[in-house]
Protein backbone atom coordinates (compact mmCIF):
# COMPACT_ATOMS: atom_id res chain seq x y z
CA UNK A 1 127.75 -94.84 26.40
CA UNK A 2 131.11 -93.21 27.09
CA UNK A 3 129.67 -89.70 26.89
CA UNK A 4 127.15 -90.53 29.63
CA UNK A 5 129.95 -91.74 31.87
CA UNK A 6 131.98 -88.50 31.68
CA UNK A 7 129.11 -86.03 31.40
CA UNK A 8 128.17 -84.16 34.56
CA UNK A 9 124.51 -83.27 34.79
CA UNK A 10 123.34 -79.94 36.20
CA UNK A 11 121.32 -82.07 38.63
CA UNK A 12 124.44 -83.50 40.31
CA UNK A 13 124.26 -82.70 44.02
CA UNK A 14 126.93 -82.87 46.68
CA UNK A 15 124.47 -82.31 49.53
CA UNK A 16 121.79 -84.91 48.76
CA UNK A 17 121.84 -88.56 47.73
CA UNK A 18 121.94 -89.14 43.97
CA UNK A 19 119.93 -92.11 42.67
CA UNK A 20 119.08 -93.53 39.23
CA UNK A 21 115.47 -92.95 38.24
CA UNK A 22 115.02 -96.71 37.92
CA UNK A 23 115.70 -97.16 41.63
CA UNK A 24 113.02 -94.73 42.85
CA UNK A 25 110.10 -95.66 40.58
CA UNK A 26 108.50 -98.86 39.32
CA UNK A 27 107.56 -98.95 35.65
CA UNK A 28 103.87 -99.64 35.01
CA UNK A 29 103.42 -101.45 31.71
CA UNK A 30 99.86 -102.80 31.95
CA UNK A 31 97.93 -102.78 28.66
CA UNK A 32 94.29 -101.72 28.71
CA UNK A 33 91.57 -100.55 26.34
CA UNK A 34 90.19 -97.04 26.13
CA UNK A 35 86.72 -98.38 26.83
CA UNK A 36 87.97 -99.51 30.24
CA UNK A 37 90.03 -96.44 31.13
CA UNK A 38 89.40 -93.04 29.57
CA UNK A 39 92.16 -91.42 27.52
CA UNK A 40 94.51 -88.93 29.14
CA UNK A 41 96.66 -86.26 27.50
CA UNK A 42 100.20 -85.49 28.67
CA UNK A 43 101.65 -82.13 27.71
CA UNK A 44 103.07 -78.92 29.10
CA UNK A 45 100.07 -78.66 31.39
CA UNK A 46 100.78 -82.05 32.88
CA UNK A 47 98.41 -85.03 32.82
CA UNK A 48 94.87 -84.01 31.89
CA UNK A 49 91.75 -85.58 30.39
CA UNK A 50 92.08 -86.15 26.64
CA UNK A 51 92.24 -82.82 24.85
CA UNK A 52 89.63 -81.97 22.22
CA UNK A 53 90.80 -82.46 18.64
CA UNK A 54 93.10 -85.38 19.42
CA UNK A 55 92.24 -88.37 17.26
CA UNK A 56 91.70 -91.70 18.94
CA UNK A 57 94.14 -94.56 18.55
CA UNK A 58 93.42 -97.00 15.77
CA UNK A 59 94.35 -99.88 18.09
CA UNK A 60 92.11 -99.26 21.05
CA UNK A 61 93.57 -102.02 23.23
CA UNK A 62 97.17 -100.94 22.70
CA UNK A 63 97.33 -98.44 25.56
CA UNK A 64 99.01 -98.20 28.95
CA UNK A 65 97.19 -98.03 32.26
CA UNK A 66 97.73 -94.95 34.43
CA UNK A 67 96.69 -94.85 38.08
CA UNK A 68 96.23 -91.69 40.15
CA UNK A 69 99.62 -90.96 41.73
CA UNK A 70 101.63 -92.27 38.76
CA UNK A 71 104.20 -90.16 36.96
CA UNK A 72 103.92 -90.08 33.16
CA UNK A 73 106.39 -88.77 30.58
CA UNK A 74 106.35 -88.71 26.79
CA UNK A 75 109.30 -90.78 25.58
CA UNK A 76 109.60 -88.50 22.55
CA UNK A 77 112.38 -86.22 23.72
CA UNK A 78 111.36 -83.41 21.37
CA UNK A 79 108.13 -83.02 23.39
CA UNK A 80 110.02 -81.14 26.09
CA UNK A 81 108.11 -80.82 29.35
CA UNK A 82 105.36 -83.26 28.33
CA UNK A 83 105.15 -85.02 31.68
CA UNK A 84 103.48 -84.85 35.04
CA UNK A 85 101.67 -86.43 37.96
CA UNK A 86 98.33 -88.12 37.23
CA UNK A 87 95.46 -87.12 39.50
CA UNK A 88 93.06 -89.70 38.06
CA UNK A 89 93.04 -93.19 36.59
CA UNK A 90 93.13 -93.43 32.81
CA UNK A 91 95.09 -94.65 29.82
CA UNK A 92 97.79 -93.24 27.55
CA UNK A 93 99.47 -94.24 24.31
CA UNK A 94 102.30 -96.75 24.47
CA UNK A 95 104.72 -93.94 23.55
CA UNK A 96 104.59 -92.79 27.20
CA UNK A 97 106.57 -94.12 30.14
CA UNK A 98 104.34 -94.66 33.18
CA UNK A 99 105.97 -94.91 36.62
CA UNK A 100 104.80 -95.49 40.18
CA UNK A 101 106.97 -93.66 42.77
CA UNK A 102 108.44 -95.75 45.58
CA UNK A 103 106.78 -94.00 48.55
CA UNK A 104 109.73 -94.49 50.89
CA UNK A 105 112.03 -92.68 48.45
CA UNK A 106 110.09 -90.32 46.22
CA UNK A 107 107.25 -87.89 46.98
CA UNK A 108 105.06 -87.95 43.82
CA UNK A 109 104.63 -84.16 43.78
CA UNK A 110 108.40 -83.69 43.94
CA UNK A 111 108.79 -86.15 41.07
CA UNK A 112 106.26 -84.11 39.10
CA UNK A 113 108.33 -80.93 39.38
CA UNK A 114 111.67 -82.71 39.02
CA UNK A 115 110.73 -84.39 35.71
CA UNK A 116 109.32 -81.12 34.37
CA UNK A 117 112.39 -79.06 35.33
CA UNK A 118 114.58 -77.68 32.56
CA UNK A 119 117.66 -79.45 33.93
CA UNK A 120 115.92 -82.84 33.83
CA UNK A 121 114.49 -82.16 30.36
CA UNK A 122 118.03 -81.48 29.14
CA UNK A 123 119.24 -84.77 30.61
CA UNK A 124 116.22 -86.64 29.25
CA UNK A 125 116.94 -85.31 25.77
CA UNK A 126 120.65 -86.12 26.03
CA UNK A 127 119.89 -89.77 26.78
CA UNK A 128 117.60 -90.04 23.74
CA UNK A 129 118.27 -91.76 20.43
CA UNK A 130 116.97 -91.41 16.89
CA UNK A 131 117.85 -90.42 13.36
CA UNK A 132 114.99 -88.05 12.56
CA UNK A 133 114.64 -84.71 14.32
CA UNK A 134 110.90 -85.24 14.92
CA UNK A 135 111.30 -88.79 16.25
CA UNK A 136 113.95 -88.46 18.95
CA UNK A 137 113.03 -90.63 21.93
CA UNK A 138 114.22 -91.74 25.36
CA UNK A 139 112.74 -95.06 26.40
CA UNK A 140 112.31 -96.10 30.02
CA UNK A 141 115.41 -98.29 30.01
CA UNK A 142 117.59 -95.32 29.13
CA UNK A 143 115.64 -92.92 31.33
CA UNK A 144 116.05 -95.27 34.30
CA UNK A 145 119.81 -94.61 34.27
CA UNK A 146 119.50 -90.85 34.73
CA UNK A 147 120.75 -89.87 38.19
CA UNK A 148 118.59 -87.42 40.15
CA UNK A 149 118.95 -85.78 43.60
CA UNK A 150 116.87 -87.20 46.45
CA UNK A 151 116.45 -84.80 49.37
CA UNK A 152 114.80 -86.16 52.55
CA UNK A 153 111.08 -86.72 52.11
CA UNK A 154 110.17 -83.67 54.18
CA UNK A 155 112.35 -81.43 52.01
CA UNK A 156 110.77 -82.97 48.91
CA UNK A 157 107.30 -82.10 50.25
CA UNK A 158 108.26 -78.53 51.16
CA UNK A 159 109.90 -77.94 47.79
CA UNK A 160 106.89 -79.37 45.92
CA UNK A 161 104.52 -77.14 47.90
CA UNK A 162 106.52 -74.03 46.94
CA UNK A 163 106.58 -75.04 43.29
CA UNK A 164 102.85 -75.82 43.35
CA UNK A 165 102.27 -72.11 43.98
CA UNK A 166 104.11 -71.25 40.78
CA UNK A 167 102.14 -73.95 38.94
CA UNK A 168 98.89 -72.32 40.08
CA UNK A 169 99.99 -69.00 38.56
CA UNK A 170 101.03 -70.76 35.34
CA UNK A 171 97.63 -72.48 35.20
CA UNK A 172 95.87 -69.10 35.45
CA UNK A 173 97.98 -67.83 32.54
CA UNK A 174 97.03 -70.92 30.54
CA UNK A 175 93.35 -70.25 31.20
CA UNK A 176 93.76 -66.67 30.01
CA UNK A 177 95.57 -67.92 26.91
CA UNK A 178 92.73 -70.31 26.11
CA UNK A 179 90.14 -67.55 26.51
CA UNK A 180 92.05 -65.22 24.18
CA UNK A 181 92.53 -67.90 21.53
CA UNK A 182 88.86 -68.83 21.64
CA UNK A 183 87.97 -65.18 21.17
CA UNK A 184 90.38 -64.82 18.25
CA UNK A 185 89.14 -67.81 16.26
CA UNK A 186 85.40 -68.05 16.72
CA UNK A 187 84.73 -69.94 13.49
CA UNK A 188 81.03 -69.24 13.19
CA UNK A 189 81.38 -65.50 13.73
CA UNK A 190 84.50 -64.88 11.66
CA UNK A 191 83.86 -67.07 8.64
CA UNK A 192 80.25 -66.02 8.14
CA UNK A 193 78.91 -69.47 8.99
CA UNK A 194 75.29 -69.90 10.04
CA UNK A 195 72.75 -72.67 10.11
CA UNK A 196 70.41 -70.49 8.04
CA UNK A 197 72.99 -70.25 5.31
CA UNK A 198 73.72 -73.96 5.01
CA UNK A 199 72.66 -76.03 2.06
CA UNK A 200 69.95 -78.61 2.49
CA UNK A 201 71.15 -82.12 3.17
CA UNK A 202 74.64 -80.99 4.22
CA UNK A 203 76.20 -83.14 6.95
CA UNK A 204 76.23 -81.18 10.22
CA UNK A 205 79.65 -82.68 11.01
CA UNK A 206 81.16 -81.49 7.73
CA UNK A 207 83.56 -78.52 7.90
CA UNK A 208 81.31 -76.97 5.22
CA UNK A 209 78.22 -77.12 7.43
CA UNK A 210 76.70 -73.66 7.78
CA UNK A 211 78.55 -72.01 4.90
CA UNK A 212 76.52 -69.39 2.98
CA UNK A 213 74.57 -70.53 -0.08
CA UNK A 214 76.45 -68.31 -2.52
CA UNK A 215 79.89 -69.70 -1.56
CA UNK A 216 81.39 -72.34 -3.84
CA UNK A 217 82.83 -75.63 -2.57
CA UNK A 218 86.03 -77.35 -3.58
CA UNK A 219 88.48 -79.98 -2.32
CA UNK A 220 92.02 -79.47 -1.13
CA UNK A 221 93.53 -81.59 -3.90
CA UNK A 222 91.96 -79.40 -6.60
CA UNK A 223 93.56 -76.15 -5.44
CA UNK A 224 96.71 -77.08 -3.52
CA UNK A 225 99.79 -78.52 -5.25
CA UNK A 226 102.62 -80.04 -3.25
CA UNK A 227 105.97 -78.34 -3.70
CA UNK A 228 108.94 -80.71 -4.03
CA UNK A 229 111.63 -78.01 -3.82
CA UNK A 230 114.55 -78.96 -1.55
CA UNK A 231 117.51 -76.97 -0.24
CA UNK A 232 120.27 -78.68 -2.20
CA UNK A 233 123.65 -77.07 -1.63
CA UNK A 234 122.34 -73.51 -1.11
CA UNK A 235 119.46 -73.01 1.35
CA UNK A 236 117.43 -69.98 0.22
CA UNK A 237 116.76 -68.80 3.74
CA UNK A 238 116.88 -69.68 7.46
CA UNK A 239 115.44 -72.67 9.31
CA UNK A 240 111.71 -72.19 9.96
CA UNK A 241 109.36 -73.88 12.39
CA UNK A 242 105.58 -74.34 12.44
CA UNK A 243 104.08 -73.05 15.67
CA UNK A 244 100.69 -74.31 16.74
CA UNK A 245 100.04 -70.75 17.98
CA UNK A 246 101.42 -68.54 15.20
CA UNK A 247 101.99 -70.70 12.13
CA UNK A 248 105.24 -70.46 10.14
CA UNK A 249 108.00 -68.49 11.89
CA UNK A 250 111.76 -68.33 12.33
CA UNK A 251 113.14 -71.22 14.36
CA UNK A 252 114.68 -69.52 17.39
CA UNK A 253 115.02 -72.59 19.61
CA UNK A 254 118.25 -72.73 21.55
CA UNK A 255 117.32 -75.92 23.40
CA UNK A 256 116.67 -79.45 22.25
CA UNK A 257 117.34 -80.90 18.84
CA UNK A 258 117.88 -78.54 15.94
CA UNK A 259 118.05 -79.23 12.24
CA UNK A 260 120.43 -81.88 11.00
CA UNK A 261 123.90 -80.67 9.97
CA UNK A 262 123.04 -81.86 6.46
CA UNK A 263 120.07 -79.73 5.41
CA UNK A 264 120.27 -80.48 1.67
CA UNK A 265 117.10 -82.60 1.83
CA UNK A 266 115.12 -80.12 3.93
CA UNK A 267 112.01 -78.76 2.24
CA UNK A 268 112.00 -75.16 0.96
CA UNK A 269 109.07 -72.88 1.83
CA UNK A 270 108.28 -69.73 -0.15
CA UNK A 271 106.05 -66.76 0.75
CA UNK A 272 102.32 -67.52 0.30
CA UNK A 273 102.90 -71.27 0.42
CA UNK A 274 101.04 -73.41 2.94
CA UNK A 275 103.43 -75.36 5.20
CA UNK A 276 102.13 -78.30 7.22
CA UNK A 277 103.40 -80.70 9.87
CA UNK A 278 101.29 -83.68 8.83
CA UNK A 279 101.64 -85.25 12.31
CA UNK A 280 100.51 -82.13 14.18
CA UNK A 281 97.59 -80.81 12.12
CA UNK A 282 95.12 -81.68 14.88
CA UNK A 283 96.95 -79.14 17.06
CA UNK A 284 97.12 -76.36 14.47
CA UNK A 285 100.53 -77.36 13.05
CA UNK A 286 100.20 -75.53 9.75
CA UNK A 287 100.12 -72.03 8.30
CA UNK A 288 100.76 -69.86 5.25
CA UNK A 289 104.32 -68.54 5.24
CA UNK A 290 105.37 -64.93 4.76
CA UNK A 291 109.03 -66.01 4.75
CA UNK A 292 111.47 -67.86 2.52
CA UNK A 293 113.33 -70.61 4.35
CA UNK A 294 113.35 -74.34 4.96
CA UNK A 295 111.49 -76.80 7.16
CA UNK A 296 111.87 -80.41 8.24
CA UNK A 297 111.93 -82.89 5.33
CA UNK A 298 109.03 -84.65 7.07
CA UNK A 299 106.79 -81.59 6.64
CA UNK A 300 105.02 -80.56 3.43
CA UNK A 301 104.67 -77.32 1.48
CA UNK A 302 101.89 -76.49 -0.98
CA UNK A 303 101.36 -73.91 -3.70
CA UNK A 304 97.91 -72.30 -3.35
CA UNK A 305 95.77 -71.76 -6.44
CA UNK A 306 94.87 -68.15 -7.37
CA UNK A 307 91.25 -68.93 -6.48
CA UNK A 308 92.24 -68.61 -2.79
CA UNK A 309 93.56 -65.65 -0.87
CA UNK A 310 96.60 -66.97 1.09
CA UNK A 311 95.70 -65.24 4.37
CA UNK A 312 92.14 -66.55 4.16
CA UNK A 313 93.59 -70.06 3.80
CA UNK A 314 95.86 -69.46 6.80
CA UNK A 315 92.99 -68.52 9.11
CA UNK A 316 90.53 -71.06 7.71
CA UNK A 317 92.74 -74.12 8.17
CA UNK A 318 93.83 -73.03 11.65
CA UNK A 319 90.24 -72.48 12.80
CA UNK A 320 88.75 -74.86 15.43
CA UNK A 321 86.47 -76.34 12.78
CA UNK A 322 89.38 -77.60 10.70
CA UNK A 323 91.63 -78.49 13.65
CA UNK A 324 88.81 -80.78 14.84
CA UNK A 325 88.42 -82.15 11.32
CA UNK A 326 92.14 -83.01 11.15
CA UNK A 327 91.70 -84.92 14.40
CA UNK A 328 88.86 -86.91 12.85
CA UNK A 329 90.78 -87.90 9.69
CA UNK A 330 94.17 -88.52 11.35
CA UNK A 331 95.49 -92.05 11.83
CA UNK A 332 98.06 -93.56 14.18
CA UNK A 333 98.51 -95.21 17.56
CA UNK A 334 99.89 -92.17 19.37
CA UNK A 335 97.45 -89.44 20.42
CA UNK A 336 100.13 -86.77 20.02
CA UNK A 337 101.28 -88.04 16.63
CA UNK A 338 98.21 -88.50 14.45
CA UNK A 339 99.33 -88.36 10.82
CA UNK A 340 97.01 -86.98 8.17
CA UNK A 341 97.85 -88.63 4.87
CA UNK A 342 98.16 -86.67 1.63
CA UNK A 343 95.28 -88.74 0.24
CA UNK A 344 92.98 -87.76 3.11
CA UNK A 345 94.07 -84.13 2.82
CA UNK A 346 93.33 -84.04 -0.91
CA UNK A 347 89.76 -85.16 -0.23
CA UNK A 348 89.16 -82.47 2.42
CA UNK A 349 86.26 -80.15 1.51
CA UNK A 350 86.85 -76.39 1.60
CA UNK A 351 84.52 -73.37 1.38
CA UNK A 352 85.39 -71.04 -1.49
CA UNK A 353 83.86 -67.57 -1.04
CA UNK A 354 84.15 -64.87 -3.69
CA UNK A 355 87.62 -63.28 -3.61
CA UNK A 356 86.37 -59.96 -2.21
CA UNK A 357 84.81 -61.80 0.74
CA UNK A 358 88.00 -63.80 1.28
CA UNK A 359 89.92 -60.51 1.37
CA UNK A 360 87.53 -58.98 3.92
CA UNK A 361 87.66 -62.08 6.12
CA UNK A 362 91.47 -62.18 5.95
CA UNK A 363 91.84 -58.45 6.72
CA UNK A 364 89.47 -58.69 9.67
CA UNK A 365 91.19 -61.78 11.09
CA UNK A 366 94.65 -60.29 10.58
CA UNK A 367 93.56 -57.29 12.66
CA UNK A 368 91.85 -59.33 15.37
CA UNK A 369 94.56 -61.96 15.67
CA UNK A 370 97.29 -59.31 15.47
CA UNK A 371 96.00 -57.59 18.61
CA UNK A 372 95.44 -60.84 20.43
CA UNK A 373 98.80 -62.27 19.31
CA UNK A 374 100.45 -59.30 21.02
CA UNK A 375 98.68 -60.15 24.28
CA UNK A 376 99.43 -63.85 23.87
CA UNK A 377 103.10 -63.07 23.31
CA UNK A 378 103.28 -61.14 26.59
CA UNK A 379 101.49 -63.94 28.45
CA UNK A 380 103.82 -66.54 26.89
CA UNK A 381 106.88 -64.53 27.98
CA UNK A 382 105.57 -64.30 31.54
CA UNK A 383 104.78 -68.02 31.52
CA UNK A 384 108.28 -68.88 30.28
CA UNK A 385 109.77 -66.67 33.00
CA UNK A 386 107.77 -68.46 35.71
CA UNK A 387 108.80 -71.87 34.34
CA UNK A 388 112.47 -70.88 34.24
CA UNK A 389 112.41 -69.40 37.74
CA UNK A 390 110.65 -72.48 39.12
CA UNK A 391 113.23 -74.75 37.49
CA UNK A 392 116.09 -72.57 38.75
CA UNK A 393 114.68 -72.61 42.29
CA UNK A 394 114.40 -76.41 42.27
CA UNK A 395 117.96 -76.69 40.96
CA UNK A 396 119.28 -74.30 43.61
CA UNK A 397 117.61 -76.28 46.41
CA UNK A 398 118.65 -79.77 45.28
CA UNK A 399 122.26 -78.65 44.69
CA UNK A 400 122.48 -76.95 48.08
CA UNK A 401 122.72 -73.33 46.91
CA UNK A 402 119.42 -72.44 48.62
CA UNK A 403 117.13 -73.73 51.31
CA UNK A 404 113.40 -74.17 50.78
CA UNK A 405 112.44 -71.80 53.58
C-alpha cells in the first residue's frame, strides 16, 4: 500500500474538498433474482437494459439489486469506462459495485461523469489487483479509498449539466454506429439465408435455419483444430488484440494493463488462423487474422480446414446469428464474462457452401464492411475526442483551472 500513499492522483484538487469514495456513497449489496428485477448491462454507454446476445447467469438468484439513482461500476478494471448512473431499477452481476450517493455530498449525475472520466479510470485501474491481464479487478473496499474532488453541490450540478450535453452527442454517434453495423452484417441478406431454402424439420433457432438446400453442414470440431503454438523465447510478431468491431488487429493500447513482461506463454497467431476470446464471443470477440503475432494465453487460436475460405469464416462467425448463438451456449455468473467451452464450440453447427460461393460471399462482405469500417473508424475517432475533451473539462474544473461558466 506504500505506492498508494506516495502517489498523487490527477484528481487531486487544491480548490475543492477531497474525500474518499467510501465517505460519499453507501454500498448496496442486496441479492435478488432476475425474475424479480430485470437484468441491466453496464458498459461504455452507461447503465442500460440487458443487451441482446448476453447470456443469462447460471445462478439466477446471485445478482445485486440496483435502484434508480444508484451508481454502478464494473469491478473488472480492464473494462475501462464500464460504469454509470442507473435510471431504472434492475439487477446486475455480483462482479459490479453498486453505490447509493449520499445526497448531502454527491450529486448522482456528477458521480456519473466523475466515475467515467479518464482520470478516475486511471486511478480505479491503479488500485486494482490480479495476476491475469483479463481478470484485473478493483473491489469496493479498495475503490472506497480513492480520493475524489467534491465541489459544492451547485457546482456539481452545473458541471454535470455541461457534460450531459457532450453525452447526448456521444449517444447520437453510438446510434449511428449501431445503424452502420446493422447494415454491414445483415445475416439473412449477406449469407444467402431464406426460409424457402431451409431444410424441412430444421430448428428455427438453429444458426443453420434458412440455409440453402445445396449447402452442406458440418460442426466446428470437424474443421477447426486448436493451435498450441506459444511464443517461447522469440515472439514471431507483435502483441495483437481481438476487437469486437474489427477482429484481430495490432494492440495499440497505451492505457490500462498491457501484456505481461513474460510473454513466453502467450499464444501465437498466424495468418488465416481463427483467434477467439472465449469469454467475449457473445460480443463478437473473434476473427480470422491477417497478421502474425501473439495474443493472451487465455485466448485460443485455430487452424481452419481447406474446406473453408478464411474470410468467409471471419464474417460468418461475427454475424449477429452466431453472436446470438454464442450468447445462448455461454456459461458463467457474469453477464460480461460468459465463457464458451471448447466442448460447446466443437459441437457448433456451421453452414458449408461450395467454395466458389464462399469466395463470392467473402469478397462481397470485404467490400461492404471495408467501406463501412472506414465510416465507423471516423465516428470512433470523433467519439474518442468527445470523451477525452469531456474528461479534460471535468478535470480542469475540479482542479480549479477552469470555471463551469
